[in-house]
Amino acid sequence: MKDFNSFSGEEKKQSASDDAVDMAKMMAKAFEGKGEADILRAIYKEAERGRKAGTLTDSDLDNFYAALYPMLDSAKRKKLEQVINKLKKM
């Protein structure tokens, strides 16, 4: 048995919230040591691509915010909230 899901005989599908958490963790690792401006540019670029392709919803952005929120201090939470609100207007 490699994990609980394989023991139960069914693979559990990831929820959108789990996807957002995974994406947040991946981004945190990828941007380690980078400046805020670099991170924001990358987020805006990826969000713009997703919006144009129709694959990035407001719900996805909310899940992304919820995944990152616990990892940030109050100033960064406020900044992230501003970024998410701007992305929702794209």
N, C-alpha and C. Protein backbone atom coordinates (compact mmCIF):
# COMPACT_ATOMS: atom_id res chain seq x y z
N MET A 1 0.85 -1.17 0.00
CA MET A 1 0.00 0.00 0.00
C MET A 1 0.89 1.23 0.00
N LYS A 2 0.76 2.06 -1.04
CA LYS A 2 1.59 3.25 -1.09
C LYS A 2 0.94 4.44 -0.39
N ASP A 3 -0.39 4.47 -0.29
CA ASP A 3 -1.08 5.52 0.45
C ASP A 3 -2.49 5.06 0.79
N PHE A 4 -3.21 5.86 1.56
CA PHE A 4 -4.56 5.49 2.00
C PHE A 4 -5.50 5.32 0.82
N ASN A 5 -5.38 6.18 -0.19
CA ASN A 5 -6.28 6.09 -1.35
C ASN A 5 -6.12 4.77 -2.08
N SER A 6 -4.90 4.27 -2.21
CA SER A 6 -4.72 3.01 -2.90
C SER A 6 -5.25 1.86 -2.06
N PHE A 7 -5.20 1.98 -0.75
CA PHE A 7 -5.75 0.97 0.14
C PHE A 7 -7.26 0.88 -0.02
N SER A 8 -7.93 2.02 -0.17
CA SER A 8 -9.38 2.03 -0.27
C SER A 8 -9.86 1.50 -1.62
N GLY A 9 -8.95 1.39 -2.57
CA GLY A 9 -9.32 0.86 -3.88
C GLY A 9 -9.82 1.91 -4.84
N GLU A 10 -9.95 3.14 -4.40
CA GLU A 10 -10.43 4.21 -5.26
C GLU A 10 -9.47 5.38 -5.17
N GLU A 11 -9.15 5.94 -6.31
CA GLU A 11 -8.32 7.14 -6.33
C GLU A 11 -9.24 8.33 -6.12
N LYS A 12 -8.88 9.16 -5.17
CA LYS A 12 -9.67 10.35 -4.88
C LYS A 12 -9.32 11.43 -5.89
N LYS A 13 -10.34 12.04 -6.49
CA LYS A 13 -10.10 13.14 -7.40
C LYS A 13 -9.80 14.39 -6.59
N GLN A 14 -8.90 15.21 -7.10
CA GLN A 14 -8.57 16.45 -6.42
C GLN A 14 -9.67 17.47 -6.65
N SER A 15 -9.99 18.20 -5.60
CA SER A 15 -10.96 19.28 -5.73
C SER A 15 -10.24 20.50 -6.29
N ALA A 16 -11.03 21.50 -6.69
CA ALA A 16 -10.45 22.74 -7.19
C ALA A 16 -9.61 23.40 -6.11
N SER A 17 -10.06 23.29 -4.87
CA SER A 17 -9.32 23.87 -3.76
C SER A 17 -7.96 23.18 -3.60
N ASP A 18 -7.93 21.85 -3.75
CA ASP A 18 -6.66 21.12 -3.67
C ASP A 18 -5.73 21.53 -4.81
N ASP A 19 -6.30 21.74 -6.00
CA ASP A 19 -5.50 22.20 -7.14
C ASP A 19 -4.87 23.55 -6.85
N ALA A 20 -5.65 24.44 -6.24
CA ALA A 20 -5.14 25.78 -5.92
C ALA A 20 -4.02 25.70 -4.89
N VAL A 21 -4.17 24.82 -3.91
CA VAL A 21 -3.14 24.65 -2.89
C VAL A 21 -1.86 24.12 -3.55
N ASP A 22 -2.01 23.13 -4.42
CA ASP A 22 -0.84 22.58 -5.11
C ASP A 22 -0.16 23.65 -5.95
N MET A 23 -0.97 24.46 -6.65
CA MET A 23 -0.41 25.52 -7.49
C MET A 23 0.31 26.56 -6.62
N ALA A 24 -0.28 26.91 -5.49
CA ALA A 24 0.34 27.89 -4.60
C ALA A 24 1.68 27.38 -4.08
N LYS A 25 1.73 26.11 -3.71
CA LYS A 25 2.98 25.53 -3.21
C LYS A 25 4.04 25.51 -4.30
N MET A 26 3.63 25.14 -5.52
CA MET A 26 4.55 25.09 -6.65
C MET A 26 5.09 26.49 -6.94
N MET A 27 4.20 27.48 -6.92
CA MET A 27 4.63 28.85 -7.20
C MET A 27 5.55 29.37 -6.10
N ALA A 28 5.23 29.06 -4.86
CA ALA A 28 6.07 29.50 -3.75
C ALA A 28 7.49 28.97 -3.91
N LYS A 29 7.60 27.72 -4.31
CA LYS A 29 8.91 27.11 -4.50
C LYS A 29 9.63 27.73 -5.72
N ALA A 30 8.88 27.94 -6.79
CA ALA A 30 9.47 28.49 -8.02
C ALA A 30 9.96 29.92 -7.83
N PHE A 31 9.27 30.68 -6.98
CA PHE A 31 9.61 32.09 -6.80
C PHE A 31 10.49 32.35 -5.59
N GLU A 32 10.96 31.31 -4.96
CA GLU A 32 11.83 31.47 -3.79
C GLU A 32 13.04 32.33 -4.17
N GLY A 33 13.24 33.38 -3.42
CA GLY A 33 14.37 34.25 -3.67
C GLY A 33 14.13 35.33 -4.71
N LYS A 34 12.97 35.34 -5.34
CA LYS A 34 12.65 36.35 -6.35
C LYS A 34 12.00 37.55 -5.68
N GLY A 35 12.06 38.68 -6.33
CA GLY A 35 11.47 39.90 -5.81
C GLY A 35 9.96 39.94 -6.07
N GLU A 36 9.29 40.80 -5.33
CA GLU A 36 7.84 40.94 -5.45
C GLU A 36 7.42 41.31 -6.87
N ALA A 37 8.16 42.20 -7.51
CA ALA A 37 7.82 42.63 -8.87
C ALA A 37 7.87 41.46 -9.84
N ASP A 38 8.87 40.60 -9.72
CA ASP A 38 8.98 39.42 -10.59
C ASP A 38 7.79 38.48 -10.39
N ILE A 39 7.42 38.30 -9.13
CA ILE A 39 6.31 37.41 -8.81
C ILE A 39 5.00 37.96 -9.37
N LEU A 40 4.76 39.25 -9.16
CA LEU A 40 3.53 39.86 -9.66
C LEU A 40 3.44 39.81 -11.17
N ARG A 41 4.55 40.08 -11.85
CA ARG A 41 4.55 40.00 -13.32
C ARG A 41 4.17 38.60 -13.78
N ALA A 42 4.74 37.59 -13.15
CA ALA A 42 4.45 36.21 -13.54
C ALA A 42 2.98 35.86 -13.26
N ILE A 43 2.47 36.30 -12.12
CA ILE A 43 1.06 36.01 -11.79
C ILE A 43 0.14 36.69 -12.80
N TYR A 44 0.38 37.96 -13.09
CA TYR A 44 -0.47 38.68 -14.06
C TYR A 44 -0.39 38.04 -15.45
N LYS A 45 0.81 37.66 -15.85
CA LYS A 45 0.98 37.04 -17.17
C LYS A 45 0.19 35.73 -17.26
N GLU A 46 0.33 34.90 -16.24
CA GLU A 46 -0.37 33.61 -16.23
C GLU A 46 -1.88 33.81 -16.14
N ALA A 47 -2.31 34.77 -15.33
CA ALA A 47 -3.74 35.05 -15.19
C ALA A 47 -4.32 35.56 -16.51
N GLU A 48 -3.60 36.44 -17.17
CA GLU A 48 -4.07 36.96 -18.45
C GLU A 48 -4.21 35.84 -19.47
N ARG A 49 -3.24 34.95 -19.49
CA ARG A 49 -3.29 33.81 -20.41
C ARG A 49 -4.52 32.94 -20.09
N GLY A 50 -4.73 32.67 -18.82
CA GLY A 50 -5.86 31.84 -18.41
C GLY A 50 -7.21 32.49 -18.69
N ARG A 51 -7.30 33.79 -18.48
CA ARG A 51 -8.55 34.51 -18.75
C ARG A 51 -8.86 34.49 -20.24
N LYS A 52 -7.84 34.74 -21.08
CA LYS A 52 -8.05 34.74 -22.53
C LYS A 52 -8.46 33.37 -23.02
N ALA A 53 -7.91 32.33 -22.42
CA ALA A 53 -8.22 30.96 -22.82
C ALA A 53 -9.55 30.48 -22.22
N GLY A 54 -10.07 31.26 -21.26
CA GLY A 54 -11.32 30.87 -20.61
C GLY A 54 -11.15 29.79 -19.57
N THR A 55 -9.93 29.60 -19.09
CA THR A 55 -9.67 28.52 -18.13
C THR A 55 -9.46 29.03 -16.71
N LEU A 56 -9.49 30.34 -16.51
CA LEU A 56 -9.28 30.90 -15.18
C LEU A 56 -10.55 31.65 -14.75
N THR A 57 -11.23 31.12 -13.76
CA THR A 57 -12.47 31.70 -13.29
C THR A 57 -12.25 32.50 -12.00
N ASP A 58 -13.25 33.27 -11.62
CA ASP A 58 -13.18 33.99 -10.35
C ASP A 58 -13.07 32.99 -9.20
N SER A 59 -13.73 31.87 -9.33
CA SER A 59 -13.66 30.82 -8.31
C SER A 59 -12.23 30.30 -8.17
N ASP A 60 -11.55 30.12 -9.29
CA ASP A 60 -10.14 29.69 -9.26
C ASP A 60 -9.28 30.72 -8.52
N LEU A 61 -9.54 31.99 -8.78
CA LEU A 61 -8.79 33.05 -8.12
C LEU A 61 -9.08 33.05 -6.61
N ASP A 62 -10.33 32.83 -6.25
CA ASP A 62 -10.69 32.75 -4.83
C ASP A 62 -9.98 31.58 -4.15
N ASN A 63 -9.92 30.45 -4.84
CA ASN A 63 -9.23 29.28 -4.29
C ASN A 63 -7.73 29.53 -4.14
N PHE A 64 -7.17 30.23 -5.11
CA PHE A 64 -5.75 30.59 -5.07
C PHE A 64 -5.49 31.48 -3.86
N TYR A 65 -6.35 32.47 -3.67
CA TYR A 65 -6.23 33.38 -2.52
C TYR A 65 -6.32 32.60 -1.22
N ALA A 66 -7.31 31.72 -1.12
CA ALA A 66 -7.50 30.93 0.11
C ALA A 66 -6.30 30.03 0.40
N ALA A 67 -5.65 29.55 -0.65
CA ALA A 67 -4.49 28.67 -0.47
C ALA A 67 -3.27 29.44 0.03
N LEU A 68 -3.10 30.66 -0.47
CA LEU A 68 -1.93 31.45 -0.08
C LEU A 68 -2.13 32.21 1.22
N TYR A 69 -3.35 32.57 1.53
CA TYR A 69 -3.67 33.41 2.68
C TYR A 69 -2.98 32.98 3.98
N PRO A 70 -3.03 31.70 4.35
CA PRO A 70 -2.41 31.31 5.63
C PRO A 70 -0.89 31.45 5.68
N MET A 71 -0.26 31.55 4.52
CA MET A 71 1.20 31.62 4.47
C MET A 71 1.73 33.06 4.53
N LEU A 72 0.82 34.05 4.56
CA LEU A 72 1.23 35.44 4.44
C LEU A 72 0.94 36.24 5.70
N ASP A 73 1.73 37.30 5.89
CA ASP A 73 1.44 38.23 6.98
C ASP A 73 0.34 39.19 6.52
N SER A 74 -0.13 40.04 7.42
CA SER A 74 -1.29 40.89 7.10
C SER A 74 -1.04 41.84 5.93
N ALA A 75 0.15 42.40 5.83
CA ALA A 75 0.45 43.32 4.72
C ALA A 75 0.42 42.58 3.39
N LYS A 76 0.98 41.38 3.35
CA LYS A 76 1.01 40.61 2.11
C LYS A 76 -0.38 40.07 1.76
N ARG A 77 -1.17 39.79 2.78
CA ARG A 77 -2.56 39.35 2.53
C ARG A 77 -3.33 40.47 1.84
N LYS A 78 -3.15 41.68 2.33
CA LYS A 78 -3.84 42.83 1.73
C LYS A 78 -3.39 43.02 0.28
N LYS A 79 -2.10 42.89 0.03
CA LYS A 79 -1.56 43.02 -1.33
C LYS A 79 -2.13 41.94 -2.23
N LEU A 80 -2.18 40.72 -1.72
CA LEU A 80 -2.73 39.61 -2.50
C LEU A 80 -4.21 39.86 -2.81
N GLU A 81 -4.94 40.37 -1.84
CA GLU A 81 -6.36 40.67 -2.06
C GLU A 81 -6.51 41.70 -3.18
N GLN A 82 -5.65 42.72 -3.20
CA GLN A 82 -5.68 43.72 -4.25
C GLN A 82 -5.37 43.10 -5.61
N VAL A 83 -4.40 42.22 -5.64
CA VAL A 83 -4.02 41.55 -6.89
C VAL A 83 -5.19 40.70 -7.40
N ILE A 84 -5.80 39.94 -6.52
CA ILE A 84 -6.92 39.08 -6.92
C ILE A 84 -8.07 39.92 -7.45
N ASN A 85 -8.38 41.03 -6.78
CA ASN A 85 -9.46 41.90 -7.25
C ASN A 85 -9.15 42.47 -8.63
N LYS A 86 -7.88 42.84 -8.87
CA LYS A 86 -7.48 43.35 -10.18
C LYS A 86 -7.59 42.26 -11.25
N LEU A 87 -7.19 41.04 -10.89
CA LEU A 87 -7.27 39.93 -11.84
C LEU A 87 -8.71 39.60 -12.21
N LYS A 88 -9.61 39.74 -11.25
CA LYS A 88 -11.02 39.46 -11.53
C LYS A 88 -11.61 40.44 -12.53
N LYS A 89 -11.01 41.60 -12.67
CA LYS A 89 -11.49 42.61 -13.61
C LYS A 89 -10.93 42.44 -15.02
N MET A 90 -10.04 41.50 -15.19
CA MET A 90 -9.40 41.26 -16.51
C MET A 90 -10.43 40.70 -17.47
